Amino acid sequence: VGYTNAGKSTLLNSLTGAHVLAADKLFATLDPTTRQLVLRGNQKLLVTDTVGFIRRLPHGLVEAFKATLEEVIVADFLVHVLDVSNPNFEEHHKTTLSVLGELGAGDQTIVTVFNKLDLADAAMLQRAHRLVPDALLVSAHTKAGLDTLEARCVELIADSLAETELIIPHSRYDVVARLHKLGHIHEQEHEDDGVHIKGRFPATQAGFFAPFVVKK
């Protein structure tokens, strides 16, 4: 998420090797675009590029924009991208947090990323540090700092996974397939009563696999 022209689409392209339209203009991304990012340990992460925010969005567009941003409510965490070379990035930061609050996503875990490091001077970097001391500095263009961003994503994913034991009926191999995509399965055995699975899965998906959890 982030203000328009912060470089979100370019960052998604650099991280995933995707080819999402990236342009220096308002609303270059009008629909959410989701791509898969494979992290170390073969951890798979779905990354969604959302429409850019602007200040004083015309009233007629507010609801339409909110409809494209529903992904932020259900996401495991958000990456807030800011253009550190833009002299107004403090205002952009405030605008984005305000919109997230309106969407009901104000309590989401947020990783703040200052992009366009290659275009920023020392004074801008100092301002960025004062605004968000623990923010990451990256350049989607040169790919500087992307390894640090990926490492942070790995940490957040690990924190969001819960050890779970499940028994899936043989008639629900669709559930088994989805579990393989959702988390880390470290034990899977086929028994008479179903497929016994032990692994770590996102707490945000608990509603999906709750009927199959082994009661202890």
N, C-alpha and C. Protein backbone atom coordinates (compact mmCIF):
# COMPACT_ATOMS: atom_id res chain seq x y z
N VAL A 1 0.85 -1.18 0.00
CA VAL A 1 0.00 0.00 0.00
C VAL A 1 0.89 1.24 0.00
N GLY A 2 0.28 2.38 -0.33
CA GLY A 2 1.06 3.60 -0.29
C GLY A 2 0.50 4.66 -1.21
N TYR A 3 1.08 5.84 -1.11
CA TYR A 3 0.67 6.97 -1.93
C TYR A 3 0.99 6.69 -3.39
N THR A 4 0.24 7.33 -4.29
CA THR A 4 0.48 7.12 -5.71
C THR A 4 1.90 7.54 -6.10
N ASN A 5 2.49 6.80 -7.02
CA ASN A 5 3.86 7.04 -7.52
C ASN A 5 4.95 6.73 -6.50
N ALA A 6 4.63 5.98 -5.45
CA ALA A 6 5.67 5.62 -4.47
C ALA A 6 6.59 4.52 -5.00
N GLY A 7 6.17 3.86 -6.08
CA GLY A 7 6.99 2.79 -6.65
C GLY A 7 6.53 1.40 -6.25
N LYS A 8 5.26 1.26 -5.89
CA LYS A 8 4.75 -0.04 -5.44
C LYS A 8 4.82 -1.10 -6.54
N SER A 9 4.39 -0.72 -7.75
CA SER A 9 4.39 -1.68 -8.85
C SER A 9 5.81 -2.08 -9.24
N THR A 10 6.72 -1.11 -9.25
CA THR A 10 8.12 -1.41 -9.56
C THR A 10 8.72 -2.32 -8.50
N LEU A 11 8.36 -2.09 -7.24
CA LEU A 11 8.86 -2.94 -6.16
C LEU A 11 8.33 -4.36 -6.32
N LEU A 12 7.05 -4.50 -6.65
CA LEU A 12 6.48 -5.83 -6.88
C LEU A 12 7.20 -6.52 -8.03
N ASN A 13 7.46 -5.79 -9.10
CA ASN A 13 8.18 -6.36 -10.23
C ASN A 13 9.57 -6.84 -9.82
N SER A 14 10.27 -6.03 -9.05
CA SER A 14 11.64 -6.38 -8.64
C SER A 14 11.66 -7.59 -7.71
N LEU A 15 10.68 -7.68 -6.83
CA LEU A 15 10.63 -8.79 -5.87
C LEU A 15 10.24 -10.11 -6.53
N THR A 16 9.30 -10.05 -7.45
CA THR A 16 8.71 -11.28 -7.99
C THR A 16 9.09 -11.60 -9.42
N GLY A 17 9.70 -10.65 -10.11
CA GLY A 17 10.00 -10.87 -11.52
C GLY A 17 8.77 -10.73 -12.38
N ALA A 18 7.69 -10.16 -11.81
CA ALA A 18 6.45 -9.97 -12.56
C ALA A 18 6.59 -8.76 -13.48
N HIS A 19 5.61 -8.56 -14.31
CA HIS A 19 5.62 -7.42 -15.23
C HIS A 19 4.32 -6.64 -15.08
N VAL A 20 4.22 -5.95 -13.95
CA VAL A 20 3.05 -5.12 -13.66
C VAL A 20 3.33 -3.72 -14.17
N LEU A 21 2.31 -3.09 -14.79
CA LEU A 21 2.48 -1.74 -15.31
C LEU A 21 2.99 -0.81 -14.21
N ALA A 22 4.12 -0.17 -14.47
CA ALA A 22 4.68 0.78 -13.52
C ALA A 22 4.91 2.09 -14.26
N ALA A 23 4.20 3.12 -13.89
CA ALA A 23 4.29 4.39 -14.61
C ALA A 23 4.24 5.55 -13.63
N ASP A 24 4.90 6.66 -14.02
CA ASP A 24 4.94 7.85 -13.19
C ASP A 24 3.72 8.71 -13.48
N LYS A 25 2.56 8.23 -13.06
CA LYS A 25 1.33 8.97 -13.27
C LYS A 25 0.30 8.50 -12.25
N LEU A 26 -0.76 9.29 -12.07
CA LEU A 26 -1.81 8.92 -11.12
C LEU A 26 -2.55 7.68 -11.59
N PHE A 27 -2.78 6.77 -10.64
CA PHE A 27 -3.64 5.61 -10.87
C PHE A 27 -3.15 4.70 -11.99
N ALA A 28 -1.84 4.53 -12.13
CA ALA A 28 -1.32 3.58 -13.12
C ALA A 28 -1.81 2.17 -12.79
N THR A 29 -2.00 1.89 -11.50
CA THR A 29 -2.56 0.61 -11.07
C THR A 29 -3.98 0.86 -10.59
N LEU A 30 -4.97 0.39 -11.35
CA LEU A 30 -6.36 0.63 -11.00
C LEU A 30 -7.02 -0.58 -10.36
N ASP A 31 -6.44 -1.75 -10.52
CA ASP A 31 -6.98 -2.96 -9.92
C ASP A 31 -5.87 -3.66 -9.15
N PRO A 32 -6.21 -4.30 -8.04
CA PRO A 32 -5.19 -5.03 -7.28
C PRO A 32 -4.56 -6.13 -8.13
N THR A 33 -3.25 -6.24 -8.07
CA THR A 33 -2.53 -7.28 -8.80
C THR A 33 -1.80 -8.14 -7.79
N THR A 34 -1.99 -9.45 -7.84
CA THR A 34 -1.37 -10.36 -6.88
C THR A 34 -0.37 -11.26 -7.58
N ARG A 35 0.82 -11.36 -6.99
CA ARG A 35 1.87 -12.22 -7.53
C ARG A 35 2.46 -13.05 -6.38
N GLN A 36 3.06 -14.17 -6.73
CA GLN A 36 3.68 -15.03 -5.72
C GLN A 36 5.16 -14.71 -5.58
N LEU A 37 5.59 -14.56 -4.34
CA LEU A 37 7.00 -14.34 -4.03
C LEU A 37 7.51 -15.56 -3.27
N VAL A 38 8.58 -16.17 -3.76
CA VAL A 38 9.16 -17.34 -3.11
C VAL A 38 10.35 -16.87 -2.28
N LEU A 39 10.25 -17.04 -0.97
CA LEU A 39 11.30 -16.61 -0.05
C LEU A 39 12.21 -17.78 0.28
N ARG A 40 13.23 -17.52 1.09
CA ARG A 40 14.15 -18.60 1.45
C ARG A 40 13.39 -19.69 2.21
N GLY A 41 13.87 -20.92 2.08
CA GLY A 41 13.17 -22.04 2.68
C GLY A 41 11.94 -22.42 1.89
N ASN A 42 11.86 -21.92 0.65
CA ASN A 42 10.73 -22.19 -0.24
C ASN A 42 9.40 -21.69 0.35
N GLN A 43 9.49 -20.70 1.24
CA GLN A 43 8.28 -20.08 1.79
C GLN A 43 7.62 -19.23 0.72
N LYS A 44 6.35 -19.49 0.45
CA LYS A 44 5.63 -18.76 -0.60
C LYS A 44 4.75 -17.68 0.02
N LEU A 45 4.80 -16.52 -0.59
CA LEU A 45 4.06 -15.37 -0.09
C LEU A 45 3.32 -14.72 -1.25
N LEU A 46 2.03 -14.43 -1.05
CA LEU A 46 1.26 -13.72 -2.07
C LEU A 46 1.34 -12.23 -1.78
N VAL A 47 1.80 -11.47 -2.78
CA VAL A 47 1.98 -10.03 -2.63
C VAL A 47 0.99 -9.32 -3.55
N THR A 48 0.19 -8.42 -2.99
CA THR A 48 -0.80 -7.69 -3.77
C THR A 48 -0.42 -6.23 -3.90
N ASP A 49 -0.40 -5.74 -5.13
CA ASP A 49 -0.11 -4.34 -5.43
C ASP A 49 -1.44 -3.60 -5.50
N THR A 50 -1.68 -2.68 -4.58
CA THR A 50 -2.97 -1.97 -4.52
C THR A 50 -2.89 -0.62 -5.22
N VAL A 51 -4.05 -0.05 -5.47
CA VAL A 51 -4.12 1.27 -6.09
C VAL A 51 -3.48 2.30 -5.16
N GLY A 52 -2.82 3.30 -5.75
CA GLY A 52 -2.15 4.32 -4.95
C GLY A 52 -3.14 5.30 -4.33
N PHE A 53 -2.80 5.78 -3.13
CA PHE A 53 -3.65 6.74 -2.44
C PHE A 53 -3.29 8.16 -2.88
N ILE A 54 -4.26 9.07 -2.77
CA ILE A 54 -3.97 10.49 -2.95
C ILE A 54 -4.71 11.29 -1.89
N ARG A 55 -4.23 12.49 -1.63
CA ARG A 55 -4.89 13.37 -0.66
C ARG A 55 -6.09 14.03 -1.32
N ARG A 56 -7.16 14.23 -0.54
CA ARG A 56 -8.39 14.86 -1.01
C ARG A 56 -8.94 14.15 -2.25
N LEU A 57 -9.10 12.86 -2.15
CA LEU A 57 -9.68 12.08 -3.23
C LEU A 57 -11.10 12.56 -3.49
N PRO A 58 -11.47 12.83 -4.76
CA PRO A 58 -12.83 13.28 -5.07
C PRO A 58 -13.88 12.33 -4.48
N HIS A 59 -14.94 12.91 -3.91
CA HIS A 59 -15.93 12.11 -3.18
C HIS A 59 -16.48 10.97 -4.02
N GLY A 60 -16.73 11.21 -5.30
CA GLY A 60 -17.30 10.18 -6.16
C GLY A 60 -16.41 8.97 -6.35
N LEU A 61 -15.12 9.12 -6.07
CA LEU A 61 -14.19 8.01 -6.26
C LEU A 61 -13.88 7.26 -4.98
N VAL A 62 -14.26 7.83 -3.85
CA VAL A 62 -13.88 7.25 -2.56
C VAL A 62 -14.33 5.80 -2.43
N GLU A 63 -15.62 5.54 -2.64
CA GLU A 63 -16.14 4.19 -2.46
C GLU A 63 -15.56 3.23 -3.49
N ALA A 64 -15.37 3.70 -4.73
CA ALA A 64 -14.79 2.85 -5.76
C ALA A 64 -13.37 2.44 -5.39
N PHE A 65 -12.62 3.38 -4.83
CA PHE A 65 -11.25 3.07 -4.42
C PHE A 65 -11.24 2.10 -3.25
N LYS A 66 -12.15 2.30 -2.31
CA LYS A 66 -12.19 1.41 -1.15
C LYS A 66 -12.48 -0.02 -1.58
N ALA A 67 -13.30 -0.18 -2.62
CA ALA A 67 -13.64 -1.52 -3.10
C ALA A 67 -12.42 -2.25 -3.63
N THR A 68 -11.45 -1.50 -4.17
CA THR A 68 -10.23 -2.14 -4.69
C THR A 68 -9.22 -2.43 -3.60
N LEU A 69 -9.49 -1.93 -2.39
CA LEU A 69 -8.52 -2.05 -1.31
C LEU A 69 -8.94 -3.03 -0.22
N GLU A 70 -9.94 -3.87 -0.53
CA GLU A 70 -10.43 -4.81 0.47
C GLU A 70 -9.35 -5.80 0.90
N GLU A 71 -8.35 -6.03 0.03
CA GLU A 71 -7.28 -6.97 0.36
C GLU A 71 -6.52 -6.57 1.61
N VAL A 72 -6.43 -5.27 1.88
CA VAL A 72 -5.63 -4.82 3.02
C VAL A 72 -6.24 -5.27 4.35
N ILE A 73 -7.54 -5.52 4.36
CA ILE A 73 -8.21 -5.90 5.59
C ILE A 73 -7.88 -7.35 5.96
N VAL A 74 -7.74 -8.21 4.95
CA VAL A 74 -7.52 -9.64 5.20
C VAL A 74 -6.06 -10.04 5.08
N ALA A 75 -5.19 -9.10 4.75
CA ALA A 75 -3.77 -9.43 4.59
C ALA A 75 -3.13 -9.80 5.93
N ASP A 76 -2.11 -10.66 5.89
CA ASP A 76 -1.38 -11.02 7.10
C ASP A 76 -0.58 -9.84 7.62
N PHE A 77 -0.03 -9.04 6.70
CA PHE A 77 0.64 -7.80 7.07
C PHE A 77 0.72 -6.90 5.85
N LEU A 78 1.00 -5.63 6.08
CA LEU A 78 1.05 -4.65 5.00
C LEU A 78 2.47 -4.11 4.84
N VAL A 79 2.85 -3.86 3.60
CA VAL A 79 4.10 -3.18 3.31
C VAL A 79 3.72 -1.78 2.82
N HIS A 80 4.03 -0.78 3.63
CA HIS A 80 3.70 0.61 3.30
C HIS A 80 4.90 1.22 2.58
N VAL A 81 4.72 1.50 1.29
CA VAL A 81 5.81 2.00 0.46
C VAL A 81 5.72 3.52 0.34
N LEU A 82 6.83 4.19 0.62
CA LEU A 82 6.93 5.64 0.52
C LEU A 82 8.08 6.02 -0.41
N ASP A 83 7.90 7.08 -1.17
CA ASP A 83 8.96 7.60 -2.04
C ASP A 83 9.81 8.56 -1.21
N VAL A 84 10.98 8.09 -0.79
CA VAL A 84 11.83 8.89 0.09
C VAL A 84 12.43 10.09 -0.65
N SER A 85 12.38 10.08 -1.98
CA SER A 85 12.92 11.20 -2.75
C SER A 85 11.89 12.31 -2.95
N ASN A 86 10.64 12.05 -2.56
CA ASN A 86 9.59 13.06 -2.69
C ASN A 86 9.61 13.96 -1.46
N PRO A 87 9.73 15.27 -1.64
CA PRO A 87 9.82 16.17 -0.48
C PRO A 87 8.59 16.16 0.41
N ASN A 88 7.48 15.60 -0.07
CA ASN A 88 6.24 15.59 0.71
C ASN A 88 5.94 14.22 1.31
N PHE A 89 6.97 13.39 1.52
CA PHE A 89 6.66 12.02 1.96
C PHE A 89 6.03 11.95 3.35
N GLU A 90 6.28 12.95 4.21
CA GLU A 90 5.62 12.95 5.52
C GLU A 90 4.10 13.06 5.36
N GLU A 91 3.68 13.92 4.45
CA GLU A 91 2.25 14.09 4.18
C GLU A 91 1.67 12.82 3.57
N HIS A 92 2.42 12.18 2.69
CA HIS A 92 1.97 10.94 2.06
C HIS A 92 1.81 9.83 3.10
N HIS A 93 2.73 9.80 4.05
CA HIS A 93 2.68 8.82 5.14
C HIS A 93 1.39 9.02 5.94
N LYS A 94 1.09 10.25 6.27
CA LYS A 94 -0.11 10.57 7.05
C LYS A 94 -1.37 10.20 6.28
N THR A 95 -1.40 10.51 4.98
CA THR A 95 -2.57 10.21 4.15
C THR A 95 -2.83 8.72 4.09
N THR A 96 -1.79 7.93 3.89
CA THR A 96 -1.95 6.48 3.78
C THR A 96 -2.48 5.89 5.08
N LEU A 97 -1.91 6.29 6.20
CA LEU A 97 -2.38 5.78 7.49
C LEU A 97 -3.83 6.17 7.74
N SER A 98 -4.22 7.36 7.29
CA SER A 98 -5.59 7.82 7.45
C SER A 98 -6.55 6.94 6.64
N VAL A 99 -6.18 6.64 5.40
CA VAL A 99 -7.03 5.79 4.55
C VAL A 99 -7.13 4.39 5.13
N LEU A 100 -6.01 3.86 5.63
CA LEU A 100 -6.04 2.53 6.24
C LEU A 100 -6.99 2.50 7.43
N GLY A 101 -6.99 3.58 8.20
CA GLY A 101 -7.90 3.66 9.33
C GLY A 101 -9.35 3.65 8.88
N GLU A 102 -9.65 4.37 7.80
CA GLU A 102 -11.01 4.41 7.26
C GLU A 102 -11.44 3.03 6.76
N LEU A 103 -10.49 2.25 6.29
CA LEU A 103 -10.79 0.92 5.77
C LEU A 103 -10.93 -0.12 6.87
N GLY A 104 -10.63 0.27 8.10
CA GLY A 104 -10.68 -0.68 9.20
C GLY A 104 -9.42 -1.50 9.31
N ALA A 105 -8.33 -1.01 8.71
CA ALA A 105 -7.06 -1.74 8.72
C ALA A 105 -6.00 -1.01 9.53
N GLY A 106 -6.45 -0.12 10.40
CA GLY A 106 -5.50 0.67 11.17
C GLY A 106 -4.66 -0.12 12.15
N ASP A 107 -5.14 -1.31 12.53
CA ASP A 107 -4.41 -2.13 13.50
C ASP A 107 -3.56 -3.21 12.83
N GLN A 108 -3.50 -3.20 11.51
CA GLN A 108 -2.71 -4.20 10.80
C GLN A 108 -1.22 -4.03 11.10
N THR A 109 -0.49 -5.14 11.08
CA THR A 109 0.97 -5.07 11.17
C THR A 109 1.50 -4.41 9.90
N ILE A 110 2.33 -3.39 10.06
CA ILE A 110 2.82 -2.63 8.91
C ILE A 110 4.34 -2.61 8.88
N VAL A 111 4.90 -2.94 7.73
CA VAL A 111 6.33 -2.76 7.48
C VAL A 111 6.47 -1.52 6.61
N THR A 112 7.11 -0.48 7.13
CA THR A 112 7.27 0.75 6.36
C THR A 112 8.56 0.67 5.54
N VAL A 113 8.43 0.93 4.24
CA VAL A 113 9.56 0.83 3.33
C VAL A 113 9.72 2.16 2.59
N PHE A 114 10.87 2.78 2.75
CA PHE A 114 11.19 3.98 1.97
C PHE A 114 11.88 3.54 0.69
N ASN A 115 11.20 3.76 -0.43
CA ASN A 115 11.70 3.35 -1.74
C ASN A 115 12.42 4.53 -2.42
N LYS A 116 13.08 4.23 -3.52
CA LYS A 116 13.83 5.21 -4.33
C LYS A 116 15.03 5.75 -3.56
N LEU A 117 15.66 4.85 -2.81
CA LEU A 117 16.87 5.19 -2.06
C LEU A 117 17.93 5.81 -2.97
N ASP A 118 17.99 5.33 -4.21
CA ASP A 118 19.01 5.81 -5.15
C ASP A 118 18.80 7.27 -5.57
N LEU A 119 17.62 7.84 -5.29
CA LEU A 119 17.33 9.22 -5.68
C LEU A 119 17.32 10.18 -4.49
N ALA A 120 17.57 9.67 -3.29
CA ALA A 120 17.46 10.49 -2.08
C ALA A 120 18.82 11.01 -1.63
N ASP A 121 18.81 12.21 -1.02
CA ASP A 121 20.04 12.74 -0.45
C ASP A 121 20.06 12.48 1.05
N ALA A 122 21.16 12.84 1.70
CA ALA A 122 21.34 12.55 3.12
C ALA A 122 20.26 13.20 3.98
N ALA A 123 19.86 14.42 3.63
CA ALA A 123 18.84 15.13 4.41
C ALA A 123 17.50 14.40 4.37
N MET A 124 17.15 13.89 3.21
CA MET A 124 15.89 13.14 3.08
C MET A 124 15.93 11.86 3.90
N LEU A 125 17.06 11.19 3.90
CA LEU A 125 17.19 9.95 4.67
C LEU A 125 17.09 10.22 6.17
N GLN A 126 17.63 11.35 6.62
CA GLN A 126 17.52 11.72 8.03
C GLN A 126 16.06 11.99 8.40
N ARG A 127 15.34 12.67 7.52
CA ARG A 127 13.92 12.93 7.76
C ARG A 127 13.13 11.63 7.82
N ALA A 128 13.47 10.71 6.94
CA ALA A 128 12.78 9.41 6.92
C ALA A 128 13.00 8.67 8.23
N HIS A 129 14.24 8.71 8.73
CA HIS A 129 14.55 8.02 9.98
C HIS A 129 13.79 8.64 11.15
N ARG A 130 13.65 9.96 11.14
CA ARG A 130 12.91 10.62 12.22
C ARG A 130 11.42 10.25 12.16
N LEU A 131 10.89 10.11 10.95
CA LEU A 131 9.47 9.80 10.79
C LEU A 131 9.14 8.38 11.22
N VAL A 132 9.93 7.41 10.72
CA VAL A 132 9.72 5.99 11.06
C VAL A 132 11.10 5.37 11.31
N PRO A 133 11.57 5.38 12.56
CA PRO A 133 12.92 4.93 12.88
C PRO A 133 13.24 3.50 12.44
N ASP A 134 12.25 2.61 12.44
CA ASP A 134 12.54 1.22 12.11
C ASP A 134 12.19 0.87 10.66
N ALA A 135 11.98 1.88 9.83
CA ALA A 135 11.64 1.64 8.43
C ALA A 135 12.83 1.06 7.67
N LEU A 136 12.53 0.37 6.57
CA LEU A 136 13.56 -0.19 5.70
C LEU A 136 13.81 0.76 4.53
N LEU A 137 15.05 0.83 4.09
CA LEU A 137 15.42 1.66 2.94
C LEU A 137 15.75 0.75 1.76
N VAL A 138 15.05 0.97 0.64
CA VAL A 138 15.27 0.12 -0.53
C VAL A 138 15.25 0.95 -1.80
N SER A 139 15.71 0.32 -2.86
CA SER A 139 15.55 0.88 -4.20
C SER A 139 15.02 -0.23 -5.09
N ALA A 140 13.77 -0.10 -5.51
CA ALA A 140 13.20 -1.10 -6.41
C ALA A 140 13.94 -1.09 -7.74
N HIS A 141 14.51 0.05 -8.09
CA HIS A 141 15.22 0.19 -9.37
C HIS A 141 16.55 -0.55 -9.36
N THR A 142 17.36 -0.32 -8.31
CA THR A 142 18.68 -0.97 -8.24
C THR A 142 18.64 -2.28 -7.45
N LYS A 143 17.51 -2.53 -6.78
CA LYS A 143 17.29 -3.71 -5.93
C LYS A 143 18.07 -3.66 -4.62
N ALA A 144 18.64 -2.51 -4.29
CA ALA A 144 19.33 -2.36 -3.01
C ALA A 144 18.33 -2.50 -1.87
N GLY A 145 18.69 -3.28 -0.85
CA GLY A 145 17.86 -3.44 0.33
C GLY A 145 16.73 -4.44 0.21
N LEU A 146 16.55 -5.03 -0.96
CA LEU A 146 15.43 -5.97 -1.13
C LEU A 146 15.64 -7.24 -0.32
N ASP A 147 16.91 -7.64 -0.12
CA ASP A 147 17.18 -8.84 0.69
C ASP A 147 16.74 -8.61 2.14
N THR A 148 16.92 -7.39 2.64
CA THR A 148 16.49 -7.06 4.00
C THR A 148 14.97 -7.08 4.10
N LEU A 149 14.29 -6.59 3.07
CA LEU A 149 12.83 -6.62 3.06
C LEU A 149 12.32 -8.05 3.04
N GLU A 150 12.94 -8.90 2.23
CA GLU A 150 12.52 -10.30 2.18
C GLU A 150 12.74 -10.99 3.53
N ALA A 151 13.86 -10.68 4.18
CA ALA A 151 14.14 -11.27 5.50
C ALA A 151 13.09 -10.85 6.52
N ARG A 152 12.67 -9.58 6.43
CA ARG A 152 11.63 -9.10 7.35
C ARG A 152 10.31 -9.83 7.09
N CYS A 153 10.00 -10.09 5.83
CA CYS A 153 8.78 -10.83 5.50
C CYS A 153 8.84 -12.24 6.07
N VAL A 154 10.00 -12.87 5.99
CA VAL A 154 10.17 -14.22 6.54
C VAL A 154 9.89 -14.21 8.04
N GLU A 155 10.41 -13.20 8.75
CA GLU A 155 10.19 -13.09 10.20
C GLU A 155 8.71 -12.94 10.52
N LEU A 156 8.03 -12.10 9.77
CA LEU A 156 6.61 -11.86 10.03
C LEU A 156 5.77 -13.09 9.75
N ILE A 157 6.12 -13.82 8.70
CA ILE A 157 5.39 -15.05 8.39
C ILE A 157 5.57 -16.06 9.51
N ALA A 158 6.82 -16.20 9.98
CA ALA A 158 7.11 -17.15 11.06
C ALA A 158 6.31 -16.80 12.31
N ASP A 159 6.20 -15.51 12.60
CA ASP A 159 5.46 -15.07 13.79
C ASP A 159 3.96 -15.34 13.67
N SER A 160 3.47 -15.40 12.43
CA SER A 160 2.03 -15.54 12.23
C SER A 160 1.58 -16.99 12.11
N LEU A 161 2.52 -17.94 12.10
CA LEU A 161 2.17 -19.35 11.94
C LEU A 161 1.99 -20.04 13.29
N ALA A 162 0.98 -20.89 13.37
CA ALA A 162 0.70 -21.64 14.59
C ALA A 162 0.81 -23.13 14.32
N GLU A 163 1.46 -23.85 15.25
CA GLU A 163 1.59 -25.31 15.13
C GLU A 163 0.20 -25.93 15.23
N THR A 164 -0.16 -26.76 14.25
CA THR A 164 -1.51 -27.32 14.17
C THR A 164 -1.47 -28.77 13.72
N GLU A 165 -2.35 -29.58 14.30
CA GLU A 165 -2.50 -30.98 13.89
C GLU A 165 -3.91 -31.17 13.37
N LEU A 166 -4.03 -31.78 12.18
CA LEU A 166 -5.33 -31.92 11.54
C LEU A 166 -5.53 -33.33 10.99
N ILE A 167 -6.78 -33.70 10.84
CA ILE A 167 -7.15 -34.93 10.13
C ILE A 167 -8.13 -34.52 9.03
N ILE A 168 -7.73 -34.73 7.78
CA ILE A 168 -8.53 -34.34 6.64
C ILE A 168 -9.17 -35.58 6.02
N PRO A 169 -10.50 -35.61 5.85
CA PRO A 169 -11.15 -36.77 5.23
C PRO A 169 -10.60 -37.04 3.84
N HIS A 170 -10.59 -38.30 3.44
CA HIS A 170 -10.06 -38.66 2.12
C HIS A 170 -10.86 -37.99 1.00
N SER A 171 -12.08 -37.59 1.31
CA SER A 171 -12.91 -36.94 0.30
C SER A 171 -12.58 -35.47 0.11
N ARG A 172 -11.65 -34.93 0.94
CA ARG A 172 -11.34 -33.50 0.89
C ARG A 172 -9.87 -33.25 0.57
N TYR A 173 -9.41 -33.83 -0.53
CA TYR A 173 -8.02 -33.58 -0.92
C TYR A 173 -7.82 -32.15 -1.40
N ASP A 174 -8.92 -31.45 -1.67
CA ASP A 174 -8.81 -30.03 -1.99
C ASP A 174 -8.29 -29.25 -0.79
N VAL A 175 -8.68 -29.69 0.42
CA VAL A 175 -8.20 -29.05 1.64
C VAL A 175 -6.71 -29.33 1.83
N VAL A 176 -6.30 -30.58 1.57
CA VAL A 176 -4.88 -30.94 1.69
C VAL A 176 -4.05 -30.08 0.75
N ALA A 177 -4.52 -29.92 -0.48
CA ALA A 177 -3.79 -29.12 -1.47
C ALA A 177 -3.66 -27.67 -1.01
N ARG A 178 -4.73 -27.14 -0.44
CA ARG A 178 -4.68 -25.74 0.01
C ARG A 178 -3.76 -25.59 1.21
N LEU A 179 -3.74 -26.56 2.10
CA LEU A 179 -2.85 -26.50 3.26
C LEU A 179 -1.40 -26.46 2.83
N HIS A 180 -1.06 -27.19 1.77
CA HIS A 180 0.31 -27.17 1.26
C HIS A 180 0.70 -25.77 0.78
N LYS A 181 -0.27 -25.03 0.28
CA LYS A 181 -0.01 -23.68 -0.20
C LYS A 181 0.02 -22.67 0.94
N LEU A 182 -0.76 -22.95 1.99
CA LEU A 182 -0.91 -21.99 3.08
C LEU A 182 0.28 -21.94 4.03
N GLY A 183 0.86 -23.09 4.34
CA GLY A 183 1.88 -23.10 5.39
C GLY A 183 2.96 -24.13 5.18
N HIS A 184 3.55 -24.57 6.28
CA HIS A 184 4.64 -25.55 6.26
C HIS A 184 4.14 -26.87 6.83
N ILE A 185 4.10 -27.91 6.02
CA ILE A 185 3.71 -29.24 6.48
C ILE A 185 4.97 -30.06 6.71
N HIS A 186 5.16 -30.51 7.96
CA HIS A 186 6.35 -31.30 8.24
C HIS A 186 6.04 -32.77 8.52
N GLU A 187 4.76 -33.13 8.51
CA GLU A 187 4.39 -34.54 8.67
C GLU A 187 3.04 -34.78 8.02
N GLN A 188 2.97 -35.78 7.16
CA GLN A 188 1.71 -36.12 6.49
C GLN A 188 1.63 -37.64 6.33
N GLU A 189 0.58 -38.24 6.89
CA GLU A 189 0.40 -39.69 6.83
C GLU A 189 -1.03 -40.03 6.43
N HIS A 190 -1.17 -41.04 5.58
CA HIS A 190 -2.49 -41.48 5.12
C HIS A 190 -2.95 -42.63 6.01
N GLU A 191 -4.01 -42.40 6.78
CA GLU A 191 -4.57 -43.40 7.68
C GLU A 191 -5.99 -43.74 7.23
N ASP A 192 -6.59 -44.72 7.90
CA ASP A 192 -7.94 -45.15 7.52
C ASP A 192 -8.97 -44.03 7.67
N ASP A 193 -8.79 -43.19 8.69
CA ASP A 193 -9.78 -42.14 8.95
C ASP A 193 -9.50 -40.84 8.22
N GLY A 194 -8.43 -40.80 7.45
CA GLY A 194 -8.13 -39.59 6.69
C GLY A 194 -6.64 -39.31 6.61
N VAL A 195 -6.32 -38.12 6.14
CA VAL A 195 -4.92 -37.70 6.01
C VAL A 195 -4.54 -36.93 7.28
N HIS A 196 -3.55 -37.47 8.01
CA HIS A 196 -3.09 -36.83 9.25
C HIS A 196 -1.96 -35.86 8.89
N ILE A 197 -2.15 -34.61 9.28
CA ILE A 197 -1.18 -33.57 8.93
C ILE A 197 -0.76 -32.81 10.17
N LYS A 198 0.55 -32.58 10.28
CA LYS A 198 1.10 -31.69 11.30
C LYS A 198 1.90 -30.61 10.58
N GLY A 199 1.67 -29.38 10.98
CA GLY A 199 2.40 -28.29 10.33
C GLY A 199 2.12 -26.96 10.99
N ARG A 200 2.64 -25.91 10.36
CA ARG A 200 2.45 -24.55 10.85
C ARG A 200 1.66 -23.77 9.80
N PHE A 201 0.55 -23.17 10.26
CA PHE A 201 -0.34 -22.49 9.33
C PHE A 201 -0.73 -21.12 9.88
N PRO A 202 -1.08 -20.19 8.98
CA PRO A 202 -1.43 -18.83 9.42
C PRO A 202 -2.67 -18.82 10.31
N ALA A 203 -2.56 -18.10 11.40
CA ALA A 203 -3.71 -17.98 12.31
C ALA A 203 -4.88 -17.31 11.62
N THR A 204 -4.59 -16.47 10.62
CA THR A 204 -5.66 -15.78 9.89
C THR A 204 -6.52 -16.74 9.08
N GLN A 205 -6.02 -17.96 8.85
CA GLN A 205 -6.78 -18.96 8.08
C GLN A 205 -7.43 -20.01 8.98
N ALA A 206 -7.44 -19.75 10.28
CA ALA A 206 -7.97 -20.74 11.24
C ALA A 206 -9.41 -21.12 10.95
N GLY A 207 -10.20 -20.18 10.47
CA GLY A 207 -11.59 -20.48 10.17
C GLY A 207 -11.74 -21.51 9.07
N PHE A 208 -10.77 -21.54 8.16
CA PHE A 208 -10.83 -22.49 7.05
C PHE A 208 -10.57 -23.92 7.52
N PHE A 209 -9.52 -24.11 8.35
CA PHE A 209 -9.16 -25.48 8.72
C PHE A 209 -9.67 -25.91 10.09
N ALA A 210 -10.41 -25.03 10.77
CA ALA A 210 -10.92 -25.35 12.12
C ALA A 210 -11.70 -26.66 12.19
N PRO A 211 -12.54 -27.00 11.19
CA PRO A 211 -13.31 -28.25 11.28
C PRO A 211 -12.45 -29.51 11.30
N PHE A 212 -11.17 -29.38 10.92
CA PHE A 212 -10.31 -30.56 10.80
C PHE A 212 -9.25 -30.64 11.89
N VAL A 213 -9.24 -29.67 12.79
CA VAL A 213 -8.22 -29.63 13.85
C VAL A 213 -8.45 -30.76 14.85
N VAL A 214 -7.37 -31.43 15.23
CA VAL A 214 -7.45 -32.51 16.22
C VAL A 214 -7.61 -31.90 17.60
N LYS A 215 -8.67 -32.28 18.28
CA LYS A 215 -8.92 -31.78 19.63
C LYS A 215 -8.07 -32.58 20.62
N LYS A 216 -7.32 -31.86 21.45
CA LYS A 216 -6.44 -32.53 22.42
C LYS A 216 -6.98 -32.36 23.83
